[in-house]
PDB file of N, CA and C in Angstrom:
ATOM      1  N   MET A   1     -31.319 -16.892  58.254  1.00  0.00           N
ATOM      2  CA  MET A   1     -32.607 -16.440  57.780  1.00  0.00           C
ATOM      3  C   MET A   1     -32.397 -15.308  56.769  1.00  0.00           C
ATOM      4  N   ALA A   2     -33.206 -15.305  55.766  1.00  0.00           N
ATOM      5  CA  ALA A   2     -33.110 -14.285  54.720  1.00  0.00           C
ATOM      6  C   ALA A   2     -33.966 -13.072  55.088  1.00  0.00           C
ATOM      7  N   ILE A   3     -33.537 -11.932  54.570  1.00  0.00           N
ATOM      8  CA  ILE A   3     -34.211 -10.666  54.837  1.00  0.00           C
ATOM      9  C   ILE A   3     -34.395  -9.915  53.524  1.00  0.00           C
ATOM     10  N   LEU A   4     -35.513  -9.237  53.407  1.00  0.00           N
ATOM     11  CA  LEU A   4     -35.757  -8.314  52.311  1.00  0.00           C
ATOM     12  C   LEU A   4     -35.708  -6.917  52.917  1.00  0.00           C
ATOM     13  N   ALA A   5     -34.705  -6.126  52.519  1.00  0.00           N
ATOM     14  CA  ALA A   5     -34.524  -4.788  53.085  1.00  0.00           C
ATOM     15  C   ALA A   5     -35.003  -3.758  52.075  1.00  0.00           C
ATOM     16  N   GLN A   6     -36.001  -2.965  52.451  1.00  0.00           N
ATOM     17  CA  GLN A   6     -36.502  -1.925  51.560  1.00  0.00           C
ATOM     18  C   GLN A   6     -35.555  -0.737  51.611  1.00  0.00           C
ATOM     19  N   LEU A   7     -35.185  -0.233  50.432  1.00  0.00           N
ATOM     20  CA  LEU A   7     -34.223   0.856  50.319  1.00  0.00           C
ATOM     21  C   LEU A   7     -34.889   2.124  49.796  1.00  0.00           C
ATOM     22  N   VAL A   8     -34.504   3.254  50.366  1.00  0.00           N
ATOM     23  CA  VAL A   8     -34.859   4.557  49.837  1.00  0.00           C
ATOM     24  C   VAL A   8     -33.557   5.335  49.781  1.00  0.00           C
ATOM     25  N   ASP A   9     -33.157   5.732  48.580  1.00  0.00           N
ATOM     26  CA  ASP A   9     -31.868   6.396  48.376  1.00  0.00           C
ATOM     27  C   ASP A   9     -30.728   5.569  48.970  1.00  0.00           C
ATOM     28  N   ASP A  10     -30.786   4.246  48.760  1.00  0.00           N
ATOM     29  CA  ASP A  10     -29.781   3.282  49.227  1.00  0.00           C
ATOM     30  C   ASP A  10     -29.646   3.202  50.742  1.00  0.00           C
ATOM     31  N   VAL A  11     -30.664   3.641  51.470  1.00  0.00           N
ATOM     32  CA  VAL A  11     -30.701   3.535  52.926  1.00  0.00           C
ATOM     33  C   VAL A  11     -31.838   2.574  53.286  1.00  0.00           C
ATOM     34  N   VAL A  12     -31.565   1.637  54.186  1.00  0.00           N
ATOM     35  CA  VAL A  12     -32.586   0.671  54.611  1.00  0.00           C
ATOM     36  C   VAL A  12     -33.629   1.383  55.466  1.00  0.00           C
ATOM     37  N   VAL A  13     -34.904   1.306  55.032  1.00  0.00           N
ATOM     38  CA  VAL A  13     -35.994   1.935  55.780  1.00  0.00           C
ATOM     39  C   VAL A  13     -36.914   0.910  56.440  1.00  0.00           C
ATOM     40  N   HIS A  14     -36.955  -0.316  55.921  1.00  0.00           N
ATOM     41  CA  HIS A  14     -37.734  -1.407  56.510  1.00  0.00           C
ATOM     42  C   HIS A  14     -37.014  -2.715  56.244  1.00  0.00           C
ATOM     43  N   LYS A  15     -37.175  -3.667  57.160  1.00  0.00           N
ATOM     44  CA  LYS A  15     -36.645  -5.018  56.969  1.00  0.00           C
ATOM     45  C   LYS A  15     -37.787  -6.011  57.148  1.00  0.00           C
ATOM     46  N   PHE A  16     -37.854  -6.963  56.225  1.00  0.00           N
ATOM     47  CA  PHE A  16     -38.875  -8.003  56.281  1.00  0.00           C
ATOM     48  C   PHE A  16     -38.173  -9.350  56.344  1.00  0.00           C
ATOM     49  N   GLU A  17     -38.368 -10.080  57.450  1.00  0.00           N
ATOM     50  CA  GLU A  17     -37.784 -11.408  57.583  1.00  0.00           C
ATOM     51  C   GLU A  17     -38.596 -12.380  56.739  1.00  0.00           C
ATOM     52  N   LEU A  18     -37.897 -13.196  55.980  1.00  0.00           N
ATOM     53  CA  LEU A  18     -38.553 -14.155  55.087  1.00  0.00           C
ATOM     54  C   LEU A  18     -38.612 -15.505  55.796  1.00  0.00           C
ATOM     55  N   THR A  19     -39.632 -15.674  56.626  1.00  0.00           N
ATOM     56  CA  THR A  19     -39.756 -16.884  57.436  1.00  0.00           C
ATOM     57  C   THR A  19     -40.760 -17.879  56.864  1.00  0.00           C
ATOM     58  N   GLU A  20     -41.647 -17.420  56.018  1.00  0.00           N
ATOM     59  CA  GLU A  20     -42.708 -18.274  55.468  1.00  0.00           C
ATOM     60  C   GLU A  20     -42.271 -18.868  54.125  1.00  0.00           C
ATOM     61  N   PRO A  21     -42.862 -19.998  53.732  1.00  0.00           N
ATOM     62  CA  PRO A  21     -42.533 -20.584  52.432  1.00  0.00           C
ATOM     63  C   PRO A  21     -42.878 -19.669  51.252  1.00  0.00           C
ATOM     64  N   SER A  22     -43.864 -18.791  51.441  1.00  0.00           N
ATOM     65  CA  SER A  22     -44.268 -17.881  50.372  1.00  0.00           C
ATOM     66  C   SER A  22     -44.528 -16.489  50.951  1.00  0.00           C
ATOM     67  N   THR A  23     -44.013 -15.475  50.258  1.00  0.00           N
ATOM     68  CA  THR A  23     -44.195 -14.087  50.664  1.00  0.00           C
ATOM     69  C   THR A  23     -44.771 -13.329  49.477  1.00  0.00           C
ATOM     70  N   SER A  24     -45.929 -12.707  49.668  1.00  0.00           N
ATOM     71  CA  SER A  24     -46.542 -11.935  48.588  1.00  0.00           C
ATOM     72  C   SER A  24     -46.169 -10.467  48.755  1.00  0.00           C
ATOM     73  N   LEU A  25     -45.936  -9.805  47.615  1.00  0.00           N
ATOM     74  CA  LEU A  25     -45.565  -8.397  47.616  1.00  0.00           C
ATOM     75  C   LEU A  25     -46.527  -7.637  46.716  1.00  0.00           C
ATOM     76  N   GLY A  26     -47.012  -6.504  47.194  1.00  0.00           N
ATOM     77  CA  GLY A  26     -47.912  -5.706  46.370  1.00  0.00           C
ATOM     78  C   GLY A  26     -48.591  -4.621  47.176  1.00  0.00           C
ATOM     79  N   ARG A  27     -49.477  -3.918  46.512  1.00  0.00           N
ATOM     80  CA  ARG A  27     -50.168  -2.770  47.092  1.00  0.00           C
ATOM     81  C   ARG A  27     -51.348  -3.183  47.982  1.00  0.00           C
ATOM     82  N   HIS A  28     -51.981  -4.310  47.711  1.00  0.00           N
ATOM     83  CA  HIS A  28     -53.160  -4.748  48.456  1.00  0.00           C
ATOM     84  C   HIS A  28     -52.780  -5.092  49.900  1.00  0.00           C
ATOM     85  N   PRO A  29     -53.629  -4.703  50.875  1.00  0.00           N
ATOM     86  CA  PRO A  29     -53.299  -4.939  52.282  1.00  0.00           C
ATOM     87  C   PRO A  29     -53.192  -6.412  52.684  1.00  0.00           C
ATOM     88  N   ASP A  30     -53.682  -7.325  51.856  1.00  0.00           N
ATOM     89  CA  ASP A  30     -53.580  -8.754  52.166  1.00  0.00           C
ATOM     90  C   ASP A  30     -52.186  -9.320  51.898  1.00  0.00           C
ATOM     91  N   ASN A  31     -51.314  -8.560  51.242  1.00  0.00           N
ATOM     92  CA  ASN A  31     -49.967  -9.045  50.959  1.00  0.00           C
ATOM     93  C   ASN A  31     -49.140  -9.126  52.229  1.00  0.00           C
ATOM     94  N   THR A  32     -48.138  -9.997  52.213  1.00  0.00           N
ATOM     95  CA  THR A  32     -47.210 -10.095  53.335  1.00  0.00           C
ATOM     96  C   THR A  32     -46.399  -8.810  53.449  1.00  0.00           C
ATOM     97  N   VAL A  33     -45.914  -8.314  52.304  1.00  0.00           N
ATOM     98  CA  VAL A  33     -45.181  -7.052  52.241  1.00  0.00           C
ATOM     99  C   VAL A  33     -46.051  -6.079  51.450  1.00  0.00           C
ATOM    100  N   VAL A  34     -46.583  -5.079  52.134  1.00  0.00           N
ATOM    101  CA  VAL A  34     -47.467  -4.095  51.507  1.00  0.00           C
ATOM    102  C   VAL A  34     -46.640  -2.877  51.109  1.00  0.00           C
ATOM    103  N   ILE A  35     -46.770  -2.495  49.826  1.00  0.00           N
ATOM    104  CA  ILE A  35     -46.036  -1.349  49.290  1.00  0.00           C
ATOM    105  C   ILE A  35     -47.061  -0.303  48.879  1.00  0.00           C
ATOM    106  N   ASP A  36     -47.072   0.797  49.595  1.00  0.00           N
ATOM    107  CA  ASP A  36     -48.049   1.859  49.368  1.00  0.00           C
ATOM    108  C   ASP A  36     -47.558   2.775  48.246  1.00  0.00           C
ATOM    109  N   ASP A  37     -47.767   2.331  47.016  1.00  0.00           N
ATOM    110  CA  ASP A  37     -47.328   3.081  45.838  1.00  0.00           C
ATOM    111  C   ASP A  37     -48.248   2.692  44.680  1.00  0.00           C
ATOM    112  N   SER A  38     -48.849   3.661  44.040  1.00  0.00           N
ATOM    113  CA  SER A  38     -49.799   3.372  42.954  1.00  0.00           C
ATOM    114  C   SER A  38     -49.124   2.724  41.744  1.00  0.00           C
ATOM    115  N   ALA A  39     -47.804   2.816  41.624  1.00  0.00           N
ATOM    116  CA  ALA A  39     -47.098   2.168  40.514  1.00  0.00           C
ATOM    117  C   ALA A  39     -46.928   0.671  40.742  1.00  0.00           C
ATOM    118  N   VAL A  40     -47.180   0.215  41.966  1.00  0.00           N
ATOM    119  CA  VAL A  40     -47.074  -1.205  42.318  1.00  0.00           C
ATOM    120  C   VAL A  40     -48.445  -1.835  42.147  1.00  0.00           C
ATOM    121  N   SER A  41     -48.480  -2.989  41.497  1.00  0.00           N
ATOM    122  CA  SER A  41     -49.751  -3.703  41.305  1.00  0.00           C
ATOM    123  C   SER A  41     -50.263  -4.239  42.635  1.00  0.00           C
ATOM    124  N   SER A  42     -51.559  -4.480  42.701  1.00  0.00           N
ATOM    125  CA  SER A  42     -52.138  -4.968  43.962  1.00  0.00           C
ATOM    126  C   SER A  42     -51.522  -6.309  44.370  1.00  0.00           C
ATOM    127  N   ARG A  43     -51.254  -7.163  43.431  1.00  0.00           N
ATOM    128  CA  ARG A  43     -50.532  -8.423  43.663  1.00  0.00           C
ATOM    129  C   ARG A  43     -49.366  -8.411  42.677  1.00  0.00           C
ATOM    130  N   HIS A  44     -48.264  -7.842  43.083  1.00  0.00           N
ATOM    131  CA  HIS A  44     -47.159  -7.552  42.170  1.00  0.00           C
ATOM    132  C   HIS A  44     -46.241  -8.747  41.940  1.00  0.00           C
ATOM    133  N   ALA A  45     -45.792  -9.394  43.021  1.00  0.00           N
ATOM    134  CA  ALA A  45     -44.824 -10.482  42.895  1.00  0.00           C
ATOM    135  C   ALA A  45     -44.933 -11.417  44.090  1.00  0.00           C
ATOM    136  N   THR A  46     -44.331 -12.593  43.938  1.00  0.00           N
ATOM    137  CA  THR A  46     -44.294 -13.586  45.010  1.00  0.00           C
ATOM    138  C   THR A  46     -42.864 -14.048  45.193  1.00  0.00           C
ATOM    139  N   LEU A  47     -42.463 -14.191  46.437  1.00  0.00           N
ATOM    140  CA  LEU A  47     -41.138 -14.705  46.759  1.00  0.00           C
ATOM    141  C   LEU A  47     -41.335 -16.040  47.475  1.00  0.00           C
ATOM    142  N   GLU A  48     -40.760 -17.104  46.910  1.00  0.00           N
ATOM    143  CA  GLU A  48     -40.909 -18.439  47.504  1.00  0.00           C
ATOM    144  C   GLU A  48     -39.566 -18.926  48.017  1.00  0.00           C
ATOM    145  N   GLN A  49     -39.622 -19.687  49.114  1.00  0.00           N
ATOM    146  CA  GLN A  49     -38.405 -20.279  49.636  1.00  0.00           C
ATOM    147  C   GLN A  49     -38.551 -21.793  49.621  1.00  0.00           C
ATOM    148  N   ARG A  50     -37.472 -22.456  49.209  1.00  0.00           N
ATOM    149  CA  ARG A  50     -37.462 -23.921  49.116  1.00  0.00           C
ATOM    150  C   ARG A  50     -36.144 -24.449  49.664  1.00  0.00           C
ATOM    151  N   GLU A  51     -36.168 -25.689  50.115  1.00  0.00           N
ATOM    152  CA  GLU A  51     -34.933 -26.312  50.580  1.00  0.00           C
ATOM    153  C   GLU A  51     -33.987 -26.543  49.410  1.00  0.00           C
ATOM    154  N   ASN A  52     -32.713 -26.351  49.652  1.00  0.00           N
ATOM    155  CA  ASN A  52     -31.688 -26.687  48.668  1.00  0.00           C
ATOM    156  C   ASN A  52     -31.662 -28.204  48.542  1.00  0.00           C
ATOM    157  N   SER A  53     -31.675 -28.718  47.326  1.00  0.00           N
ATOM    158  CA  SER A  53     -31.764 -30.170  47.123  1.00  0.00           C
ATOM    159  C   SER A  53     -30.533 -30.918  47.626  1.00  0.00           C
ATOM    160  N   HIS A  54     -29.388 -30.265  47.676  1.00  0.00           N
ATOM    161  CA  HIS A  54     -28.157 -30.924  48.133  1.00  0.00           C
ATOM    162  C   HIS A  54     -27.871 -30.677  49.612  1.00  0.00           C
ATOM    163  N   PHE A  55     -28.290 -29.529  50.114  1.00  0.00           N
ATOM    164  CA  PHE A  55     -28.046 -29.146  51.503  1.00  0.00           C
ATOM    165  C   PHE A  55     -29.362 -28.659  52.113  1.00  0.00           C
ATOM    166  N   PRO A  56     -30.158 -29.565  52.682  1.00  0.00           N
ATOM    167  CA  PRO A  56     -31.494 -29.193  53.174  1.00  0.00           C
ATOM    168  C   PRO A  56     -31.504 -28.100  54.248  1.00  0.00           C
ATOM    169  N   GLU A  57     -30.383 -27.886  54.932  1.00  0.00           N
ATOM    170  CA  GLU A  57     -30.346 -26.833  55.945  1.00  0.00           C
ATOM    171  C   GLU A  57     -30.297 -25.438  55.325  1.00  0.00           C
ATOM    172  N   PHE A  58     -30.043 -25.370  54.021  1.00  0.00           N
ATOM    173  CA  PHE A  58     -30.010 -24.096  53.315  1.00  0.00           C
ATOM    174  C   PHE A  58     -31.286 -23.930  52.492  1.00  0.00           C
ATOM    175  N   LYS A  59     -31.738 -22.696  52.394  1.00  0.00           N
ATOM    176  CA  LYS A  59     -32.944 -22.378  51.610  1.00  0.00           C
ATOM    177  C   LYS A  59     -32.547 -21.648  50.333  1.00  0.00           C
ATOM    178  N   GLU A  60     -33.303 -21.893  49.288  1.00  0.00           N
ATOM    179  CA  GLU A  60     -33.165 -21.146  48.038  1.00  0.00           C
ATOM    180  C   GLU A  60     -34.408 -20.274  47.915  1.00  0.00           C
ATOM    181  N   HIS A  61     -34.230 -19.077  47.388  1.00  0.00           N
ATOM    182  CA  HIS A  61     -35.335 -18.124  47.269  1.00  0.00           C
ATOM    183  C   HIS A  61     -35.554 -17.778  45.800  1.00  0.00           C
ATOM    184  N   TYR A  62     -36.826 -17.769  45.412  1.00  0.00           N
ATOM    185  CA  TYR A  62     -37.204 -17.505  44.024  1.00  0.00           C
ATOM    186  C   TYR A  62     -38.230 -16.379  43.993  1.00  0.00           C
ATOM    187  N   LEU A  63     -38.037 -15.454  43.071  1.00  0.00           N
ATOM    188  CA  LEU A  63     -38.956 -14.335  42.888  1.00  0.00           C
ATOM    189  C   LEU A  63     -39.692 -14.525  41.573  1.00  0.00           C
ATOM    190  N   GLU A  64     -41.001 -14.293  41.611  1.00  0.00           N
ATOM    191  CA  GLU A  64     -41.800 -14.417  40.392  1.00  0.00           C
ATOM    192  C   GLU A  64     -42.753 -13.236  40.281  1.00  0.00           C
ATOM    193  N   ASP A  65     -42.761 -12.620  39.116  1.00  0.00           N
ATOM    194  CA  ASP A  65     -43.689 -11.533  38.845  1.00  0.00           C
ATOM    195  C   ASP A  65     -45.091 -12.127  38.732  1.00  0.00           C
ATOM    196  N   ALA A  66     -46.079 -11.432  39.281  1.00  0.00           N
ATOM    197  CA  ALA A  66     -47.461 -11.925  39.265  1.00  0.00           C
ATOM    198  C   ALA A  66     -48.295 -11.221  38.197  1.00  0.00           C
ATOM    199  N   GLY A  67     -47.668 -10.895  37.058  1.00  0.00           N
ATOM    200  CA  GLY A  67     -48.387 -10.220  35.982  1.00  0.00           C
ATOM    201  C   GLY A  67     -48.539  -8.735  36.238  1.00  0.00           C
ATOM    202  N   SER A  68     -47.576  -8.148  36.902  1.00  0.00           N
ATOM    203  CA  SER A  68     -47.649  -6.724  37.259  1.00  0.00           C
ATOM    204  C   SER A  68     -47.598  -5.843  36.015  1.00  0.00           C
ATOM    205  N   THR A  69     -48.114  -4.636  36.150  1.00  0.00           N
ATOM    206  CA  THR A  69     -48.112  -3.677  35.053  1.00  0.00           C
ATOM    207  C   THR A  69     -46.727  -3.086  34.816  1.00  0.00           C
ATOM    208  N   ASN A  70     -46.039  -2.713  35.896  1.00  0.00           N
ATOM    209  CA  ASN A  70     -44.760  -2.013  35.772  1.00  0.00           C
ATOM    210  C   ASN A  70     -43.525  -2.880  35.963  1.00  0.00           C
ATOM    211  N   GLY A  71     -43.712  -4.171  36.089  1.00  0.00           N
ATOM    212  CA  GLY A  71     -42.591  -5.094  36.075  1.00  0.00           C
ATOM    213  C   GLY A  71     -41.888  -5.326  37.394  1.00  0.00           C
ATOM    214  N   THR A  72     -41.181  -6.452  37.406  1.00  0.00           N
ATOM    215  CA  THR A  72     -40.345  -6.861  38.527  1.00  0.00           C
ATOM    216  C   THR A  72     -38.946  -7.055  37.972  1.00  0.00           C
ATOM    217  N   TYR A  73     -37.962  -6.485  38.664  1.00  0.00           N
ATOM    218  CA  TYR A  73     -36.582  -6.479  38.173  1.00  0.00           C
ATOM    219  C   TYR A  73     -35.647  -7.048  39.231  1.00  0.00           C
ATOM    220  N   VAL A  74     -34.641  -7.776  38.779  1.00  0.00           N
ATOM    221  CA  VAL A  74     -33.553  -8.230  39.639  1.00  0.00           C
ATOM    222  C   VAL A  74     -32.269  -7.716  39.024  1.00  0.00           C
ATOM    223  N   ASN A  75     -31.547  -6.904  39.781  1.00  0.00           N
ATOM    224  CA  ASN A  75     -30.307  -6.279  39.306  1.00  0.00           C
ATOM    225  C   ASN A  75     -30.522  -5.551  37.978  1.00  0.00           C
ATOM    226  N   ASP A  76     -31.621  -4.800  37.914  1.00  0.00           N
ATOM    227  CA  ASP A  76     -32.011  -3.969  36.766  1.00  0.00           C
ATOM    228  C   ASP A  76     -32.395  -4.742  35.507  1.00  0.00           C
ATOM    229  N   LEU A  77     -32.604  -6.044  35.611  1.00  0.00           N
ATOM    230  CA  LEU A  77     -33.083  -6.841  34.478  1.00  0.00           C
ATOM    231  C   LEU A  77     -34.501  -7.312  34.781  1.00  0.00           C
ATOM    232  N   ARG A  78     -35.426  -7.009  33.857  1.00  0.00           N
ATOM    233  CA  ARG A  78     -36.819  -7.420  34.058  1.00  0.00           C
ATOM    234  C   ARG A  78     -36.890  -8.940  34.001  1.00  0.00           C
ATOM    235  N   ILE A  79     -37.586  -9.518  34.981  1.00  0.00           N
ATOM    236  CA  ILE A  79     -37.662 -10.979  35.014  1.00  0.00           C
ATOM    237  C   ILE A  79     -38.909 -11.451  34.286  1.00  0.00           C
ATOM    238  N   GLU A  80     -38.763 -12.580  33.673  1.00  0.00           N
ATOM    239  CA  GLU A  80     -39.870 -13.292  33.036  1.00  0.00           C
ATOM    240  C   GLU A  80     -39.930 -14.641  33.732  1.00  0.00           C
ATOM    241  N   GLY A  81     -41.058 -14.989  34.280  1.00  0.00           N
ATOM    242  CA  GLY A  81     -41.146 -16.248  35.012  1.00  0.00           C
ATOM    243  C   GLY A  81     -40.478 -16.137  36.362  1.00  0.00           C
ATOM    244  N   ARG A  82     -39.914 -17.235  36.804  1.00  0.00           N
ATOM    245  CA  ARG A  82     -39.322 -17.312  38.139  1.00  0.00           C
ATOM    246  C   ARG A  82     -37.808 -17.110  38.066  1.00  0.00           C
ATOM    247  N   GLN A  83     -37.273 -16.339  39.009  1.00  0.00           N
ATOM    248  CA  GLN A  83     -35.846 -16.009  39.037  1.00  0.00           C
ATOM    249  C   GLN A  83     -35.286 -16.360  40.411  1.00  0.00           C
ATOM    250  N   ARG A  84     -34.187 -17.125  40.437  1.00  0.00           N
ATOM    251  CA  ARG A  84     -33.526 -17.439  41.713  1.00  0.00           C
ATOM    252  C   ARG A  84     -32.797 -16.197  42.219  1.00  0.00           C
ATOM    253  N   LEU A  85     -32.919 -15.945  43.517  1.00  0.00           N
ATOM    254  CA  LEU A  85     -32.244 -14.806  44.122  1.00  0.00           C
ATOM    255  C   LEU A  85     -30.956 -15.251  44.790  1.00  0.00           C
ATOM    256  N   HIS A  86     -30.005 -14.336  44.822  1.00  0.00           N
ATOM    257  CA  HIS A  86     -28.722 -14.565  45.477  1.00  0.00           C
ATOM    258  C   HIS A  86     -28.445 -13.418  46.436  1.00  0.00           C
ATOM    259  N   HIS A  87     -27.629 -13.699  47.431  1.00  0.00           N
ATOM    260  CA  HIS A  87     -27.259 -12.711  48.439  1.00  0.00           C
ATOM    261  C   HIS A  87     -26.825 -11.402  47.774  1.00  0.00           C
ATOM    262  N   ASN A  88     -27.374 -10.295  48.234  1.00  0.00           N
ATOM    263  CA  ASN A  88     -27.106  -8.932  47.766  1.00  0.00           C
ATOM    264  C   ASN A  88     -27.763  -8.561  46.437  1.00  0.00           C
ATOM    265  N   ASP A  89     -28.655  -9.389  45.907  1.00  0.00           N
ATOM    266  CA  ASP A  89     -29.402  -8.991  44.714  1.00  0.00           C
ATOM    267  C   ASP A  89     -30.268  -7.782  45.048  1.00  0.00           C
ATOM    268  N   ILE A  90     -30.427  -6.898  44.061  1.00  0.00           N
ATOM    269  CA  ILE A  90     -31.312  -5.743  44.196  1.00  0.00           C
ATOM    270  C   ILE A  90     -32.593  -6.031  43.417  1.00  0.00           C
ATOM    271  N   ILE A  91     -33.706  -5.974  44.115  1.00  0.00           N
ATOM    272  CA  ILE A  91     -35.024  -6.226  43.530  1.00  0.00           C
ATOM    273  C   ILE A  91     -35.718  -4.880  43.380  1.00  0.00           C
ATOM    274  N   ARG A  92     -36.388  -4.709  42.247  1.00  0.00           N
ATOM    275  CA  ARG A  92     -37.156  -3.474  42.045  1.00  0.00           C
ATOM    276  C   ARG A  92     -38.560  -3.839  41.599  1.00  0.00           C
ATOM    277  N   LEU A  93     -39.540  -3.345  42.333  1.00  0.00           N
ATOM    278  CA  LEU A  93     -40.953  -3.498  41.979  1.00  0.00           C
ATOM    279  C   LEU A  93     -41.433  -2.115  41.591  1.00  0.00           C
ATOM    280  N   ALA A  94     -41.696  -1.918  40.303  1.00  0.00           N
ATOM    281  CA  ALA A  94     -41.968  -0.581  39.762  1.00  0.00           C
ATOM    282  C   ALA A  94     -40.760   0.272  40.103  1.00  0.00           C
ATOM    283  N   TRP A  95     -40.879   1.257  41.013  1.00  0.00           N
ATOM    284  CA  TRP A  95     -39.736   2.118  41.366  1.00  0.00           C
ATOM    285  C   TRP A  95     -39.257   1.877  42.791  1.00  0.00           C
ATOM    286  N   ASN A  96     -39.727   0.820  43.428  1.00  0.00           N
ATOM    287  CA  ASN A  96     -39.387   0.511  44.816  1.00  0.00           C
ATOM    288  C   ASN A  96     -38.281  -0.534  44.871  1.00  0.00           C
ATOM    289  N   LYS A  97     -37.200  -0.185  45.577  1.00  0.00           N
ATOM    290  CA  LYS A  97     -36.029  -1.070  45.631  1.00  0.00           C
ATOM    291  C   LYS A  97     -35.951  -1.825  46.950  1.00  0.00           C
ATOM    292  N   PHE A  98     -35.484  -3.064  46.835  1.00  0.00           N
ATOM    293  CA  PHE A  98     -35.251  -3.933  47.979  1.00  0.00           C
ATOM    294  C   PHE A  98     -33.916  -4.637  47.769  1.00  0.00           C
ATOM    295  N   LYS A  99     -33.243  -4.924  48.860  1.00  0.00           N
ATOM    296  CA  LYS A  99     -32.014  -5.707  48.792  1.00  0.00           C
ATOM    297  C   LYS A  99     -32.300  -7.047  49.450  1.00  0.00           C
ATOM    298  N   PHE A 100     -31.951  -8.124  48.740  1.00  0.00           N
ATOM    299  CA  PHE A 100     -32.122  -9.470  49.266  1.00  0.00           C
ATOM    300  C   PHE A 100     -30.853  -9.833  50.028  1.00  0.00           C
ATOM    301  N   ILE A 101     -31.003 -10.136  51.306  1.00  0.00           N
ATOM    302  CA  ILE A 101     -29.857 -10.451  52.156  1.00  0.00           C
ATOM    303  C   ILE A 101     -30.034 -11.855  52.718  1.00  0.00           C
ATOM    304  N   ASP A 102     -29.082 -12.727  52.410  1.00  0.00           N
ATOM    305  CA  ASP A 102     -29.115 -14.099  52.914  1.00  0.00           C
ATOM    306  C   ASP A 102     -27.688 -14.501  53.268  1.00  0.00           C
ATOM    307  N   ASP A 103     -27.307 -14.274  54.515  1.00  0.00           N
ATOM    308  CA  ASP A 103     -25.942 -14.564  54.955  1.00  0.00           C
ATOM    309  C   ASP A 103     -25.610 -16.045  54.853  1.00  0.00           C
ATOM    310  N   LYS A 104     -26.597 -16.924  55.088  1.00  0.00           N
ATOM    311  CA  LYS A 104     -26.342 -18.368  54.971  1.00  0.00           C
ATOM    312  C   LYS A 104     -25.974 -18.731  53.537  1.00  0.00           C
ATOM    313  N   GLU A 105     -26.677 -18.140  52.568  1.00  0.00           N
ATOM    314  CA  GLU A 105     -26.368 -18.434  51.174  1.00  0.00           C
ATOM    315  C   GLU A 105     -24.992 -17.889  50.816  1.00  0.00           C
ATOM    316  N   ALA A 106     -24.641 -16.748  51.349  1.00  0.00           N
ATOM    317  CA  ALA A 106     -23.329 -16.164  51.098  1.00  0.00           C
ATOM    318  C   ALA A 106     -22.235 -17.084  51.636  1.00  0.00           C
ATOM    319  N   GLN A 107     -22.447 -17.660  52.825  1.00  0.00           N
ATOM    320  CA  GLN A 107     -21.483 -18.599  53.393  1.00  0.00           C
ATOM    321  C   GLN A 107     -21.360 -19.841  52.521  1.00  0.00           C
ATOM    322  N   MET A 108     -22.495 -20.351  52.027  1.00  0.00           N
ATOM    323  CA  MET A 108     -22.463 -21.537  51.183  1.00  0.00           C
ATOM    324  C   MET A 108     -21.730 -21.246  49.879  1.00  0.00           C
ATOM    325  N   GLU A 109     -21.953 -20.079  49.281  1.00  0.00           N
ATOM    326  CA  GLU A 109     -21.267 -19.724  48.040  1.00  0.00           C
ATOM    327  C   GLU A 109     -19.759 -19.637  48.248  1.00  0.00           C
ATOM    328  N   GLN A 110     -19.326 -19.114  49.401  1.00  0.00           N
ATOM    329  CA  GLN A 110     -17.897 -19.054  49.707  1.00  0.00           C
ATOM    330  C   GLN A 110     -17.312 -20.452  49.813  1.00  0.00           C
ATOM    331  N   THR A 111     -18.048 -21.367  50.448  1.00  0.00           N
ATOM    332  CA  THR A 111     -17.593 -22.737  50.599  1.00  0.00           C
ATOM    333  C   THR A 111     -17.457 -23.401  49.244  1.00  0.00           C
ATOM    334  N   VAL A 112     -18.442 -23.245  48.389  1.00  0.00           N
ATOM    335  CA  VAL A 112     -18.405 -23.841  47.053  1.00  0.00           C
ATOM    336  C   VAL A 112     -17.239 -23.267  46.260  1.00  0.00           C
ATOM    337  N   HIS A 113     -17.030 -21.955  46.372  1.00  0.00           N
ATOM    338  CA  HIS A 113     -15.913 -21.306  45.671  1.00  0.00           C
ATOM    339  C   HIS A 113     -14.573 -21.875  46.149  1.00  0.00           C
ATOM    340  N   MET A 114     -14.430 -22.084  47.443  1.00  0.00           N
ATOM    341  CA  MET A 114     -13.195 -22.627  47.997  1.00  0.00           C
ATOM    342  C   MET A 114     -12.997 -24.073  47.561  1.00  0.00           C
ATOM    343  N   LEU A 115     -14.080 -24.864  47.518  1.00  0.00           N
ATOM    344  CA  LEU A 115     -13.983 -26.245  47.069  1.00  0.00           C
ATOM    345  C   LEU A 115     -13.562 -26.321  45.604  1.00  0.00           C
ATOM    346  N   ASN A 116     -14.118 -25.439  44.773  1.00  0.00           N
ATOM    347  CA  ASN A 116     -13.764 -25.420  43.352  1.00  0.00           C
ATOM    348  C   ASN A 116     -12.284 -25.108  43.147  1.00  0.00           C
ATOM    349  N   LYS A 117     -11.720 -24.248  43.974  1.00  0.00           N
ATOM    350  CA  LYS A 117     -10.312 -23.912  43.859  1.00  0.00           C
ATOM    351  C   LYS A 117      -9.403 -25.086  44.202  1.00  0.00           C
ATOM    352  N   THR A 118      -9.839 -25.941  45.148  1.00  0.00           N
ATOM    353  CA  THR A 118      -9.009 -27.061  45.557  1.00  0.00           C
ATOM    354  C   THR A 118      -9.144 -28.252  44.633  1.00  0.00           C
ATOM    355  N   LEU A 119     -10.156 -28.289  43.833  1.00  0.00           N
ATOM    356  CA  LEU A 119     -10.362 -29.444  42.920  1.00  0.00           C
ATOM    357  C   LEU A 119      -9.617 -29.308  41.668  1.00  0.00           C
TER     358      LEU A 119
END
């Protein structure tokens, strides 16, 4: 299962399990992940999870900015449209940082890396 870990000064202060197909992030209380910060838009971004087309037991996660004022960033690069997330990516919504943690994806990447070496 994937987790979104909220960071303050690189210390985890909250963990959000990503169990639903869609997770909304923003300032409005109707969001799945509510961020109490005026720099965050009321509906800032959406995180979607989908089955991997080759390995259905694995999920792929995509982050999309919802037209926010202060932007959505992955590894300090502002995203336009939808961006696939990878294990240990750092997400920033305005000035709020989150770490995307997906141990299953990390295991799959190791397997693919090992297969590529043997081919």
